[in-house]
PDB file of N, CA and C in Angstrom:
ATOM      1  N   MET A   1      -8.672   5.758 -21.446  1.00  0.00           N
ATOM      2  CA  MET A   1      -7.777   5.339 -20.403  1.00  0.00           C
ATOM      3  C   MET A   1      -7.102   4.010 -20.781  1.00  0.00           C
ATOM      4  N   ASP A   2      -6.740   3.886 -22.014  1.00  0.00           N
ATOM      5  CA  ASP A   2      -6.038   2.689 -22.459  1.00  0.00           C
ATOM      6  C   ASP A   2      -4.679   2.601 -21.782  1.00  0.00           C
ATOM      7  N   GLY A   3      -4.322   1.402 -21.370  1.00  0.00           N
ATOM      8  CA  GLY A   3      -3.013   1.195 -20.771  1.00  0.00           C
ATOM      9  C   GLY A   3      -2.926   1.597 -19.305  1.00  0.00           C
ATOM     10  N   VAL A   4      -4.023   2.047 -18.722  1.00  0.00           N
ATOM     11  CA  VAL A   4      -4.007   2.459 -17.311  1.00  0.00           C
ATOM     12  C   VAL A   4      -4.387   1.269 -16.444  1.00  0.00           C
ATOM     13  N   LYS A   5      -3.591   0.975 -15.455  1.00  0.00           N
ATOM     14  CA  LYS A   5      -3.866  -0.124 -14.538  1.00  0.00           C
ATOM     15  C   LYS A   5      -4.451   0.459 -13.259  1.00  0.00           C
ATOM     16  N   VAL A   6      -5.652   0.048 -12.925  1.00  0.00           N
ATOM     17  CA  VAL A   6      -6.337   0.555 -11.731  1.00  0.00           C
ATOM     18  C   VAL A   6      -6.289  -0.549 -10.669  1.00  0.00           C
ATOM     19  N   TYR A   7      -5.793  -0.198  -9.493  1.00  0.00           N
ATOM     20  CA  TYR A   7      -5.726  -1.154  -8.392  1.00  0.00           C
ATOM     21  C   TYR A   7      -6.962  -0.995  -7.530  1.00  0.00           C
ATOM     22  N   ARG A   8      -7.493  -2.102  -7.085  1.00  0.00           N
ATOM     23  CA  ARG A   8      -8.629  -2.082  -6.176  1.00  0.00           C
ATOM     24  C   ARG A   8      -8.280  -2.904  -4.954  1.00  0.00           C
ATOM     25  N   PRO A   9      -8.934  -2.639  -3.826  1.00  0.00           N
ATOM     26  CA  PRO A   9      -8.614  -3.391  -2.615  1.00  0.00           C
ATOM     27  C   PRO A   9      -8.783  -4.891  -2.827  1.00  0.00           C
ATOM     28  N   THR A  10      -7.820  -5.651  -2.340  1.00  0.00           N
ATOM     29  CA  THR A  10      -7.886  -7.105  -2.456  1.00  0.00           C
ATOM     30  C   THR A  10      -8.071  -7.781  -1.094  1.00  0.00           C
ATOM     31  N   GLN A  11      -7.845  -7.042  -0.037  1.00  0.00           N
ATOM     32  CA  GLN A  11      -7.982  -7.598   1.310  1.00  0.00           C
ATOM     33  C   GLN A  11      -9.462  -7.555   1.691  1.00  0.00           C
ATOM     34  N   THR A  12     -10.047  -8.731   1.942  1.00  0.00           N
ATOM     35  CA  THR A  12     -11.468  -8.754   2.282  1.00  0.00           C
ATOM     36  C   THR A  12     -11.718  -9.131   3.737  1.00  0.00           C
ATOM     37  N   GLN A  13     -10.703  -9.652   4.413  1.00  0.00           N
ATOM     38  CA  GLN A  13     -10.870 -10.040   5.811  1.00  0.00           C
ATOM     39  C   GLN A  13      -9.630  -9.629   6.583  1.00  0.00           C
ATOM     40  N   VAL A  14      -9.815  -8.873   7.657  1.00  0.00           N
ATOM     41  CA  VAL A  14      -8.684  -8.445   8.462  1.00  0.00           C
ATOM     42  C   VAL A  14      -8.265  -9.575   9.397  1.00  0.00           C
ATOM     43  N   PHE A  15      -9.205 -10.229  10.061  1.00  0.00           N
ATOM     44  CA  PHE A  15      -8.929 -11.386  10.905  1.00  0.00           C
ATOM     45  C   PHE A  15     -10.223 -12.130  11.148  1.00  0.00           C
ATOM     46  N   SER A  16     -10.127 -13.339  11.687  1.00  0.00           N
ATOM     47  CA  SER A  16     -11.293 -14.177  11.948  1.00  0.00           C
ATOM     48  C   SER A  16     -11.459 -14.392  13.443  1.00  0.00           C
ATOM     49  N   LEU A  17     -12.698 -14.373  13.908  1.00  0.00           N
ATOM     50  CA  LEU A  17     -12.996 -14.602  15.315  1.00  0.00           C
ATOM     51  C   LEU A  17     -13.784 -15.903  15.522  1.00  0.00           C
ATOM     52  N   GLU A  18     -13.704 -16.825  14.557  1.00  0.00           N
ATOM     53  CA  GLU A  18     -14.500 -18.029  14.615  1.00  0.00           C
ATOM     54  C   GLU A  18     -14.177 -18.915  15.801  1.00  0.00           C
ATOM     55  N   GLY A  19     -12.923 -19.065  16.132  1.00  0.00           N
ATOM     56  CA  GLY A  19     -12.535 -19.955  17.219  1.00  0.00           C
ATOM     57  C   GLY A  19     -12.450 -21.400  16.743  1.00  0.00           C
ATOM     58  N   ALA A  20     -11.849 -22.242  17.550  1.00  0.00           N
ATOM     59  CA  ALA A  20     -11.655 -23.643  17.176  1.00  0.00           C
ATOM     60  C   ALA A  20     -12.960 -24.434  17.234  1.00  0.00           C
ATOM     61  N   SER A  21     -13.891 -24.005  18.081  1.00  0.00           N
ATOM     62  CA  SER A  21     -15.183 -24.669  18.216  1.00  0.00           C
ATOM     63  C   SER A  21     -16.190 -23.646  18.740  1.00  0.00           C
ATOM     64  N   PRO A  22     -17.506 -23.963  18.687  1.00  0.00           N
ATOM     65  CA  PRO A  22     -18.502 -23.020  19.212  1.00  0.00           C
ATOM     66  C   PRO A  22     -18.288 -22.661  20.682  1.00  0.00           C
ATOM     67  N   ASN A  23     -17.686 -23.543  21.451  1.00  0.00           N
ATOM     68  CA  ASN A  23     -17.436 -23.281  22.868  1.00  0.00           C
ATOM     69  C   ASN A  23     -16.168 -22.453  23.089  1.00  0.00           C
ATOM     70  N   ARG A  24     -15.373 -22.249  22.055  1.00  0.00           N
ATOM     71  CA  ARG A  24     -14.109 -21.524  22.212  1.00  0.00           C
ATOM     72  C   ARG A  24     -14.098 -20.295  21.307  1.00  0.00           C
ATOM     73  N   ARG A  25     -15.121 -19.451  21.427  1.00  0.00           N
ATOM     74  CA  ARG A  25     -15.198 -18.239  20.636  1.00  0.00           C
ATOM     75  C   ARG A  25     -14.824 -17.025  21.478  1.00  0.00           C
ATOM     76  N   VAL A  26     -14.420 -15.972  20.793  1.00  0.00           N
ATOM     77  CA  VAL A  26     -14.085 -14.718  21.476  1.00  0.00           C
ATOM     78  C   VAL A  26     -15.377 -14.033  21.901  1.00  0.00           C
ATOM     79  N   GLU A  27     -15.400 -13.500  23.122  1.00  0.00           N
ATOM     80  CA  GLU A  27     -16.559 -12.786  23.623  1.00  0.00           C
ATOM     81  C   GLU A  27     -16.160 -11.408  24.097  1.00  0.00           C
ATOM     82  N   ASN A  28     -17.099 -10.467  24.025  1.00  0.00           N
ATOM     83  CA  ASN A  28     -16.921  -9.119  24.543  1.00  0.00           C
ATOM     84  C   ASN A  28     -15.667  -8.429  23.999  1.00  0.00           C
ATOM     85  N   LEU A  29     -15.464  -8.513  22.732  1.00  0.00           N
ATOM     86  CA  LEU A  29     -14.292  -7.921  22.081  1.00  0.00           C
ATOM     87  C   LEU A  29     -14.670  -6.556  21.529  1.00  0.00           C
ATOM     88  N   THR A  30     -13.850  -5.556  21.793  1.00  0.00           N
ATOM     89  CA  THR A  30     -14.045  -4.209  21.274  1.00  0.00           C
ATOM     90  C   THR A  30     -12.920  -3.884  20.302  1.00  0.00           C
ATOM     91  N   LEU A  31     -13.265  -3.360  19.175  1.00  0.00           N
ATOM     92  CA  LEU A  31     -12.276  -3.012  18.150  1.00  0.00           C
ATOM     93  C   LEU A  31     -12.248  -1.511  17.924  1.00  0.00           C
ATOM     94  N   ASP A  32     -11.886  -0.775  18.945  1.00  0.00           N
ATOM     95  CA  ASP A  32     -11.844   0.679  18.842  1.00  0.00           C
ATOM     96  C   ASP A  32     -10.806   1.110  17.813  1.00  0.00           C
ATOM     97  N   GLY A  33     -11.222   1.899  16.858  1.00  0.00           N
ATOM     98  CA  GLY A  33     -10.300   2.468  15.892  1.00  0.00           C
ATOM     99  C   GLY A  33      -9.956   1.569  14.728  1.00  0.00           C
ATOM    100  N   LEU A  34     -10.379   0.308  14.719  1.00  0.00           N
ATOM    101  CA  LEU A  34     -10.064  -0.590  13.603  1.00  0.00           C
ATOM    102  C   LEU A  34     -11.162  -0.442  12.554  1.00  0.00           C
ATOM    103  N   THR A  35     -10.797   0.036  11.396  1.00  0.00           N
ATOM    104  CA  THR A  35     -11.758   0.217  10.316  1.00  0.00           C
ATOM    105  C   THR A  35     -11.204  -0.387   9.048  1.00  0.00           C
ATOM    106  N   ILE A  36     -12.043  -0.500   8.057  1.00  0.00           N
ATOM    107  CA  ILE A  36     -11.663  -1.111   6.796  1.00  0.00           C
ATOM    108  C   ILE A  36     -10.607  -0.283   6.051  1.00  0.00           C
ATOM    109  N   GLN A  37     -10.416   0.978   6.448  1.00  0.00           N
ATOM    110  CA  GLN A  37      -9.446   1.823   5.759  1.00  0.00           C
ATOM    111  C   GLN A  37      -8.023   1.255   5.827  1.00  0.00           C
ATOM    112  N   HIS A  38      -7.730   0.472   6.840  1.00  0.00           N
ATOM    113  CA  HIS A  38      -6.377  -0.075   6.972  1.00  0.00           C
ATOM    114  C   HIS A  38      -6.065  -1.084   5.888  1.00  0.00           C
ATOM    115  N   THR A  39      -7.096  -1.755   5.329  1.00  0.00           N
ATOM    116  CA  THR A  39      -6.837  -2.671   4.219  1.00  0.00           C
ATOM    117  C   THR A  39      -6.409  -1.874   2.991  1.00  0.00           C
ATOM    118  N   ASP A  40      -6.924  -0.653   2.828  1.00  0.00           N
ATOM    119  CA  ASP A  40      -6.484   0.192   1.716  1.00  0.00           C
ATOM    120  C   ASP A  40      -4.998   0.531   1.854  1.00  0.00           C
ATOM    121  N   PHE A  41      -4.554   0.730   3.086  1.00  0.00           N
ATOM    122  CA  PHE A  41      -3.139   1.006   3.313  1.00  0.00           C
ATOM    123  C   PHE A  41      -2.284  -0.164   2.872  1.00  0.00           C
ATOM    124  N   MET A  42      -2.743  -1.384   3.151  1.00  0.00           N
ATOM    125  CA  MET A  42      -1.983  -2.564   2.737  1.00  0.00           C
ATOM    126  C   MET A  42      -1.895  -2.621   1.203  1.00  0.00           C
ATOM    127  N   ASP A  43      -2.981  -2.305   0.522  1.00  0.00           N
ATOM    128  CA  ASP A  43      -2.962  -2.261  -0.940  1.00  0.00           C
ATOM    129  C   ASP A  43      -2.037  -1.167  -1.444  1.00  0.00           C
ATOM    130  N   TRP A  44      -2.022  -0.018  -0.787  1.00  0.00           N
ATOM    131  CA  TRP A  44      -1.157   1.097  -1.180  1.00  0.00           C
ATOM    132  C   TRP A  44       0.302   0.701  -1.025  1.00  0.00           C
ATOM    133  N   LYS A  45       0.630   0.055   0.085  1.00  0.00           N
ATOM    134  CA  LYS A  45       2.004  -0.381   0.321  1.00  0.00           C
ATOM    135  C   LYS A  45       2.440  -1.367  -0.751  1.00  0.00           C
ATOM    136  N   ALA A  46       1.570  -2.316  -1.120  1.00  0.00           N
ATOM    137  CA  ALA A  46       1.891  -3.283  -2.178  1.00  0.00           C
ATOM    138  C   ALA A  46       2.054  -2.576  -3.518  1.00  0.00           C
ATOM    139  N   PHE A  47       1.192  -1.588  -3.807  1.00  0.00           N
ATOM    140  CA  PHE A  47       1.290  -0.831  -5.045  1.00  0.00           C
ATOM    141  C   PHE A  47       2.631  -0.101  -5.132  1.00  0.00           C
ATOM    142  N   VAL A  48       3.034   0.559  -4.043  1.00  0.00           N
ATOM    143  CA  VAL A  48       4.299   1.311  -4.025  1.00  0.00           C
ATOM    144  C   VAL A  48       5.480   0.355  -4.238  1.00  0.00           C
ATOM    145  N   ALA A  49       5.467  -0.790  -3.571  1.00  0.00           N
ATOM    146  CA  ALA A  49       6.554  -1.762  -3.735  1.00  0.00           C
ATOM    147  C   ALA A  49       6.628  -2.249  -5.174  1.00  0.00           C
ATOM    148  N   ASP A  50       5.481  -2.537  -5.786  1.00  0.00           N
ATOM    149  CA  ASP A  50       5.464  -2.972  -7.190  1.00  0.00           C
ATOM    150  C   ASP A  50       5.950  -1.862  -8.116  1.00  0.00           C
ATOM    151  N   LYS A  51       5.540  -0.628  -7.837  1.00  0.00           N
ATOM    152  CA  LYS A  51       5.945   0.518  -8.672  1.00  0.00           C
ATOM    153  C   LYS A  51       7.456   0.731  -8.605  1.00  0.00           C
ATOM    154  N   LEU A  52       8.029   0.665  -7.387  1.00  0.00           N
ATOM    155  CA  LEU A  52       9.471   0.825  -7.254  1.00  0.00           C
ATOM    156  C   LEU A  52      10.222  -0.297  -7.987  1.00  0.00           C
ATOM    157  N   ARG A  53       9.707  -1.525  -7.881  1.00  0.00           N
ATOM    158  CA  ARG A  53      10.318  -2.643  -8.612  1.00  0.00           C
ATOM    159  C   ARG A  53      10.264  -2.405 -10.118  1.00  0.00           C
ATOM    160  N   ASP A  54       9.096  -1.977 -10.608  1.00  0.00           N
ATOM    161  CA  ASP A  54       8.952  -1.723 -12.052  1.00  0.00           C
ATOM    162  C   ASP A  54       9.853  -0.588 -12.518  1.00  0.00           C
ATOM    163  N   ASP A  55      10.006   0.446 -11.697  1.00  0.00           N
ATOM    164  CA  ASP A  55      10.912   1.549 -12.048  1.00  0.00           C
ATOM    165  C   ASP A  55      12.349   1.061 -12.141  1.00  0.00           C
ATOM    166  N   LEU A  56      12.764   0.208 -11.183  1.00  0.00           N
ATOM    167  CA  LEU A  56      14.131  -0.324 -11.216  1.00  0.00           C
ATOM    168  C   LEU A  56      14.311  -1.218 -12.443  1.00  0.00           C
ATOM    169  N   ALA A  57      13.314  -2.015 -12.779  1.00  0.00           N
ATOM    170  CA  ALA A  57      13.405  -2.873 -13.968  1.00  0.00           C
ATOM    171  C   ALA A  57      13.540  -2.042 -15.223  1.00  0.00           C
ATOM    172  N   ALA A  58      12.799  -0.943 -15.324  1.00  0.00           N
ATOM    173  CA  ALA A  58      12.888  -0.067 -16.484  1.00  0.00           C
ATOM    174  C   ALA A  58      14.285   0.549 -16.593  1.00  0.00           C
ATOM    175  N   LYS A  59      14.848   0.957 -15.464  1.00  0.00           N
ATOM    176  CA  LYS A  59      16.204   1.524 -15.484  1.00  0.00           C
ATOM    177  C   LYS A  59      17.223   0.468 -15.880  1.00  0.00           C
ATOM    178  N   ALA A  60      17.047  -0.752 -15.342  1.00  0.00           N
ATOM    179  CA  ALA A  60      17.985  -1.828 -15.687  1.00  0.00           C
ATOM    180  C   ALA A  60      17.890  -2.175 -17.167  1.00  0.00           C
ATOM    181  N   ASP A  61      16.678  -2.210 -17.715  1.00  0.00           N
ATOM    182  CA  ASP A  61      16.489  -2.512 -19.134  1.00  0.00           C
ATOM    183  C   ASP A  61      17.068  -1.404 -20.018  1.00  0.00           C
ATOM    184  N   ALA A  62      17.049  -0.175 -19.528  1.00  0.00           N
ATOM    185  CA  ALA A  62      17.538   0.954 -20.310  1.00  0.00           C
ATOM    186  C   ALA A  62      19.068   1.000 -20.400  1.00  0.00           C
ATOM    187  N   THR A  63      19.744   0.194 -19.602  1.00  0.00           N
ATOM    188  CA  THR A  63      21.214   0.211 -19.609  1.00  0.00           C
ATOM    189  C   THR A  63      21.793  -0.489 -20.818  1.00  0.00           C
ATOM    190  N   GLY A  64      20.979  -1.229 -21.546  1.00  0.00           N
ATOM    191  CA  GLY A  64      21.473  -1.928 -22.724  1.00  0.00           C
ATOM    192  C   GLY A  64      21.076  -3.384 -22.681  1.00  0.00           C
ATOM    193  N   ALA A  65      21.764  -4.182 -23.484  1.00  0.00           N
ATOM    194  CA  ALA A  65      21.430  -5.601 -23.571  1.00  0.00           C
ATOM    195  C   ALA A  65      21.678  -6.287 -22.243  1.00  0.00           C
ATOM    196  N   ARG A  66      20.628  -6.893 -21.719  1.00  0.00           N
ATOM    197  CA  ARG A  66      20.751  -7.603 -20.439  1.00  0.00           C
ATOM    198  C   ARG A  66      21.610  -8.833 -20.640  1.00  0.00           C
ATOM    199  N   GLY A  67      22.431  -9.148 -19.668  1.00  0.00           N
ATOM    200  CA  GLY A  67      23.287 -10.315 -19.738  1.00  0.00           C
ATOM    201  C   GLY A  67      24.683 -10.036 -20.246  1.00  0.00           C
ATOM    202  N   VAL A  68      24.880  -8.859 -20.877  1.00  0.00           N
ATOM    203  CA  VAL A  68      26.209  -8.510 -21.363  1.00  0.00           C
ATOM    204  C   VAL A  68      27.079  -8.100 -20.192  1.00  0.00           C
ATOM    205  N   LEU A  69      26.573  -7.209 -19.379  1.00  0.00           N
ATOM    206  CA  LEU A  69      27.240  -6.768 -18.149  1.00  0.00           C
ATOM    207  C   LEU A  69      26.281  -6.940 -16.988  1.00  0.00           C
ATOM    208  N   PRO A  70      26.777  -7.264 -15.808  1.00  0.00           N
ATOM    209  CA  PRO A  70      25.871  -7.392 -14.660  1.00  0.00           C
ATOM    210  C   PRO A  70      25.266  -6.034 -14.276  1.00  0.00           C
ATOM    211  N   ILE A  71      24.015  -6.075 -13.880  1.00  0.00           N
ATOM    212  CA  ILE A  71      23.285  -4.874 -13.444  1.00  0.00           C
ATOM    213  C   ILE A  71      23.121  -4.975 -11.927  1.00  0.00           C
ATOM    214  N   SER A  72      23.486  -3.910 -11.212  1.00  0.00           N
ATOM    215  CA  SER A  72      23.335  -3.917  -9.759  1.00  0.00           C
ATOM    216  C   SER A  72      22.588  -2.682  -9.293  1.00  0.00           C
ATOM    217  N   SER A  73      22.049  -2.773  -8.089  1.00  0.00           N
ATOM    218  CA  SER A  73      21.371  -1.640  -7.470  1.00  0.00           C
ATOM    219  C   SER A  73      21.605  -1.715  -5.973  1.00  0.00           C
ATOM    220  N   HIS A  74      21.370  -0.588  -5.303  1.00  0.00           N
ATOM    221  CA  HIS A  74      21.694  -0.483  -3.888  1.00  0.00           C
ATOM    222  C   HIS A  74      20.636   0.356  -3.177  1.00  0.00           C
ATOM    223  N   SER A  75      20.269  -0.057  -1.994  1.00  0.00           N
ATOM    224  CA  SER A  75      19.337   0.694  -1.156  1.00  0.00           C
ATOM    225  C   SER A  75      20.102   1.131   0.099  1.00  0.00           C
ATOM    226  N   ASP A  76      19.703   2.268   0.654  1.00  0.00           N
ATOM    227  CA  ASP A  76      20.450   2.797   1.787  1.00  0.00           C
ATOM    228  C   ASP A  76      20.256   2.040   3.089  1.00  0.00           C
ATOM    229  N   ALA A  77      19.166   1.325   3.250  1.00  0.00           N
ATOM    230  CA  ALA A  77      18.925   0.563   4.471  1.00  0.00           C
ATOM    231  C   ALA A  77      17.995  -0.591   4.120  1.00  0.00           C
ATOM    232  N   PRO A  78      18.106  -1.725   4.822  1.00  0.00           N
ATOM    233  CA  PRO A  78      17.201  -2.840   4.573  1.00  0.00           C
ATOM    234  C   PRO A  78      15.759  -2.430   4.825  1.00  0.00           C
ATOM    235  N   ALA A  79      14.861  -2.860   3.952  1.00  0.00           N
ATOM    236  CA  ALA A  79      13.456  -2.482   4.073  1.00  0.00           C
ATOM    237  C   ALA A  79      12.853  -2.887   5.406  1.00  0.00           C
ATOM    238  N   VAL A  80      13.314  -3.967   5.974  1.00  0.00           N
ATOM    239  CA  VAL A  80      12.745  -4.440   7.243  1.00  0.00           C
ATOM    240  C   VAL A  80      12.981  -3.432   8.362  1.00  0.00           C
ATOM    241  N   LEU A  81      13.957  -2.546   8.235  1.00  0.00           N
ATOM    242  CA  LEU A  81      14.236  -1.560   9.267  1.00  0.00           C
ATOM    243  C   LEU A  81      13.569  -0.207   8.997  1.00  0.00           C
ATOM    244  N   LEU A  82      12.895  -0.080   7.856  1.00  0.00           N
ATOM    245  CA  LEU A  82      12.259   1.182   7.501  1.00  0.00           C
ATOM    246  C   LEU A  82      10.784   1.160   7.869  1.00  0.00           C
ATOM    247  N   SER A  83      10.245   2.292   8.227  1.00  0.00           N
ATOM    248  CA  SER A  83       8.825   2.389   8.570  1.00  0.00           C
ATOM    249  C   SER A  83       7.999   2.578   7.301  1.00  0.00           C
ATOM    250  N   PRO A  84       6.934   1.799   7.125  1.00  0.00           N
ATOM    251  CA  PRO A  84       6.057   2.016   5.967  1.00  0.00           C
ATOM    252  C   PRO A  84       5.308   3.335   6.057  1.00  0.00           C
ATOM    253  N   LEU A  85       5.355   3.989   7.213  1.00  0.00           N
ATOM    254  CA  LEU A  85       4.668   5.265   7.405  1.00  0.00           C
ATOM    255  C   LEU A  85       5.556   6.464   7.096  1.00  0.00           C
ATOM    256  N   SER A  86       6.796   6.231   6.683  1.00  0.00           N
ATOM    257  CA  SER A  86       7.741   7.327   6.505  1.00  0.00           C
ATOM    258  C   SER A  86       7.382   8.227   5.316  1.00  0.00           C
ATOM    259  N   GLY A  87       6.683   7.700   4.332  1.00  0.00           N
ATOM    260  CA  GLY A  87       6.315   8.502   3.163  1.00  0.00           C
ATOM    261  C   GLY A  87       7.360   8.544   2.085  1.00  0.00           C
ATOM    262  N   TYR A  88       8.449   7.805   2.253  1.00  0.00           N
ATOM    263  CA  TYR A  88       9.511   7.812   1.252  1.00  0.00           C
ATOM    264  C   TYR A  88       9.334   6.733   0.187  1.00  0.00           C
ATOM    265  N   GLY A  89       8.345   5.885   0.320  1.00  0.00           N
ATOM    266  CA  GLY A  89       8.158   4.808  -0.640  1.00  0.00           C
ATOM    267  C   GLY A  89       9.172   3.693  -0.412  1.00  0.00           C
ATOM    268  N   ASN A  90       8.958   2.913   0.606  1.00  0.00           N
ATOM    269  CA  ASN A  90       9.932   1.889   0.963  1.00  0.00           C
ATOM    270  C   ASN A  90       9.893   0.725  -0.022  1.00  0.00           C
ATOM    271  N   PRO A  91      11.036   0.358  -0.566  1.00  0.00           N
ATOM    272  CA  PRO A  91      11.063  -0.782  -1.501  1.00  0.00           C
ATOM    273  C   PRO A  91      10.990  -2.106  -0.739  1.00  0.00           C
ATOM    274  N   ASP A  92      10.555  -3.124  -1.433  1.00  0.00           N
ATOM    275  CA  ASP A  92      10.612  -4.484  -0.911  1.00  0.00           C
ATOM    276  C   ASP A  92      11.899  -5.091  -1.466  1.00  0.00           C
ATOM    277  N   ASP A  93      12.855  -5.378  -0.593  1.00  0.00           N
ATOM    278  CA  ASP A  93      14.164  -5.836  -1.040  1.00  0.00           C
ATOM    279  C   ASP A  93      14.075  -7.096  -1.887  1.00  0.00           C
ATOM    280  N   TRP A  94      13.162  -7.998  -1.558  1.00  0.00           N
ATOM    281  CA  TRP A  94      13.033  -9.244  -2.325  1.00  0.00           C
ATOM    282  C   TRP A  94      12.511  -8.960  -3.733  1.00  0.00           C
ATOM    283  N   LEU A  95      11.541  -8.067  -3.852  1.00  0.00           N
ATOM    284  CA  LEU A  95      11.028  -7.722  -5.188  1.00  0.00           C
ATOM    285  C   LEU A  95      12.098  -7.019  -6.025  1.00  0.00           C
ATOM    286  N   MET A  96      12.818  -6.106  -5.387  1.00  0.00           N
ATOM    287  CA  MET A  96      13.845  -5.347  -6.104  1.00  0.00           C
ATOM    288  C   MET A  96      14.957  -6.265  -6.604  1.00  0.00           C
ATOM    289  N   SER A  97      15.316  -7.264  -5.811  1.00  0.00           N
ATOM    290  CA  SER A  97      16.427  -8.138  -6.170  1.00  0.00           C
ATOM    291  C   SER A  97      16.116  -9.032  -7.363  1.00  0.00           C
ATOM    292  N   ARG A  98      14.835  -9.185  -7.685  1.00  0.00           N
ATOM    293  CA  ARG A  98      14.454 -10.053  -8.805  1.00  0.00           C
ATOM    294  C   ARG A  98      14.632  -9.410 -10.179  1.00  0.00           C
ATOM    295  N   VAL A  99      14.809  -8.086 -10.233  1.00  0.00           N
ATOM    296  CA  VAL A  99      14.881  -7.410 -11.528  1.00  0.00           C
ATOM    297  C   VAL A  99      16.286  -6.959 -11.896  1.00  0.00           C
ATOM    298  N   VAL A 100      17.266  -7.234 -11.031  1.00  0.00           N
ATOM    299  CA  VAL A 100      18.665  -6.927 -11.339  1.00  0.00           C
ATOM    300  C   VAL A 100      19.500  -8.157 -11.006  1.00  0.00           C
ATOM    301  N   ASP A 101      20.757  -8.136 -11.434  1.00  0.00           N
ATOM    302  CA  ASP A 101      21.633  -9.282 -11.166  1.00  0.00           C
ATOM    303  C   ASP A 101      22.130  -9.280  -9.723  1.00  0.00           C
ATOM    304  N   PHE A 102      22.397  -8.096  -9.189  1.00  0.00           N
ATOM    305  CA  PHE A 102      22.891  -7.970  -7.819  1.00  0.00           C
ATOM    306  C   PHE A 102      22.151  -6.815  -7.143  1.00  0.00           C
ATOM    307  N   TYR A 103      21.686  -7.050  -5.917  1.00  0.00           N
ATOM    308  CA  TYR A 103      20.995  -6.002  -5.145  1.00  0.00           C
ATOM    309  C   TYR A 103      21.525  -6.029  -3.727  1.00  0.00           C
ATOM    310  N   GLY A 104      21.863  -4.885  -3.205  1.00  0.00           N
ATOM    311  CA  GLY A 104      22.411  -4.840  -1.864  1.00  0.00           C
ATOM    312  C   GLY A 104      21.824  -3.712  -1.034  1.00  0.00           C
ATOM    313  N   THR A 105      22.033  -3.813   0.249  1.00  0.00           N
ATOM    314  CA  THR A 105      21.611  -2.763   1.186  1.00  0.00           C
ATOM    315  C   THR A 105      22.756  -2.497   2.124  1.00  0.00           C
ATOM    316  N   SER A 106      22.673  -1.390   2.819  1.00  0.00           N
ATOM    317  CA  SER A 106      23.703  -1.023   3.780  1.00  0.00           C
ATOM    318  C   SER A 106      23.054  -0.719   5.112  1.00  0.00           C
ATOM    319  N   ILE A 107      23.792  -0.914   6.170  1.00  0.00           N
ATOM    320  CA  ILE A 107      23.357  -0.491   7.478  1.00  0.00           C
ATOM    321  C   ILE A 107      24.594  -0.005   8.225  1.00  0.00           C
ATOM    322  N   TYR A 108      24.518   1.214   8.643  1.00  0.00           N
ATOM    323  CA  TYR A 108      25.607   1.839   9.394  1.00  0.00           C
ATOM    324  C   TYR A 108      25.035   2.286  10.719  1.00  0.00           C
ATOM    325  N   PRO A 109      25.860   2.548  11.723  1.00  0.00           N
ATOM    326  CA  PRO A 109      25.329   3.028  13.010  1.00  0.00           C
ATOM    327  C   PRO A 109      24.428   4.268  12.828  1.00  0.00           C
ATOM    328  N   ARG A 110      24.734   5.098  11.850  1.00  0.00           N
ATOM    329  CA  ARG A 110      23.928   6.289  11.611  1.00  0.00           C
ATOM    330  C   ARG A 110      22.493   5.926  11.216  1.00  0.00           C
ATOM    331  N   HIS A 111      22.305   4.809  10.521  1.00  0.00           N
ATOM    332  CA  HIS A 111      20.979   4.380  10.093  1.00  0.00           C
ATOM    333  C   HIS A 111      20.232   3.647  11.200  1.00  0.00           C
ATOM    334  N   ALA A 112      20.950   3.150  12.194  1.00  0.00           N
ATOM    335  CA  ALA A 112      20.360   2.234  13.168  1.00  0.00           C
ATOM    336  C   ALA A 112      19.368   2.887  14.123  1.00  0.00           C
ATOM    337  N   SER A 113      19.507   4.168  14.415  1.00  0.00           N
ATOM    338  CA  SER A 113      18.580   4.817  15.336  1.00  0.00           C
ATOM    339  C   SER A 113      18.588   6.320  15.093  1.00  0.00           C
ATOM    340  N   SER A 114      17.573   6.973  15.642  1.00  0.00           N
ATOM    341  CA  SER A 114      17.514   8.417  15.505  1.00  0.00           C
ATOM    342  C   SER A 114      18.644   9.086  16.276  1.00  0.00           C
ATOM    343  N   ALA A 115      19.156   8.417  17.308  1.00  0.00           N
ATOM    344  CA  ALA A 115      20.267   8.987  18.073  1.00  0.00           C
ATOM    345  C   ALA A 115      21.505   9.124  17.202  1.00  0.00           C
ATOM    346  N   GLY A 116      21.637   8.259  16.183  1.00  0.00           N
ATOM    347  CA  GLY A 116      22.780   8.335  15.281  1.00  0.00           C
ATOM    348  C   GLY A 116      22.707   9.500  14.312  1.00  0.00           C
ATOM    349  N   CYS A 117      21.561  10.151  14.239  1.00  0.00           N
ATOM    350  CA  CYS A 117      21.382  11.247  13.276  1.00  0.00           C
ATOM    351  C   CYS A 117      21.605  12.615  13.906  1.00  0.00           C
ATOM    352  N   ARG A 118      21.925  12.687  15.162  1.00  0.00           N
ATOM    353  CA  ARG A 118      22.101  13.988  15.789  1.00  0.00           C
ATOM    354  C   ARG A 118      23.435  14.609  15.386  1.00  0.00           C
ATOM    355  N   GLU A 119      23.501  15.895  15.496  1.00  0.00           N
ATOM    356  CA  GLU A 119      24.729  16.625  15.157  1.00  0.00           C
ATOM    357  C   GLU A 119      25.805  16.321  16.183  1.00  0.00           C
ATOM    358  N   LEU A 120      27.022  16.147  15.722  1.00  0.00           N
ATOM    359  CA  LEU A 120      28.127  15.933  16.631  1.00  0.00           C
ATOM    360  C   LEU A 120      28.709  17.285  17.060  1.00  0.00           C
ATOM    361  N   PRO A 121      29.226  17.372  18.312  1.00  0.00           N
ATOM    362  CA  PRO A 121      29.785  18.668  18.775  1.00  0.00           C
ATOM    363  C   PRO A 121      31.061  19.022  18.025  1.00  0.00           C
TER     364      PRO A 121
END
């Protein structure tokens, strides 16, 4: 397995309940449904963002000598408006912008809500 990068969970604490002092601690707190599996999701999201950035960098490098011509890329909607649960592999706009000369996104009324995606009469 030479050259294989294995990611492991890096999140060790979801939140702290220590309080500002012993007299100001949280009491009778129930955490229904909160399990350690959610930290794996955070690692997966970071892995996908890094993978998409690396893919874009590889494509940019494949275009030829960097610096001769500007390299640009475009995303269909700003990442902040996309759901990480969509399954499409949402890029991190800041990471993507670091591997090309110009990076842009678009937002049109059609992207703004599900109501914009309905068929017109």
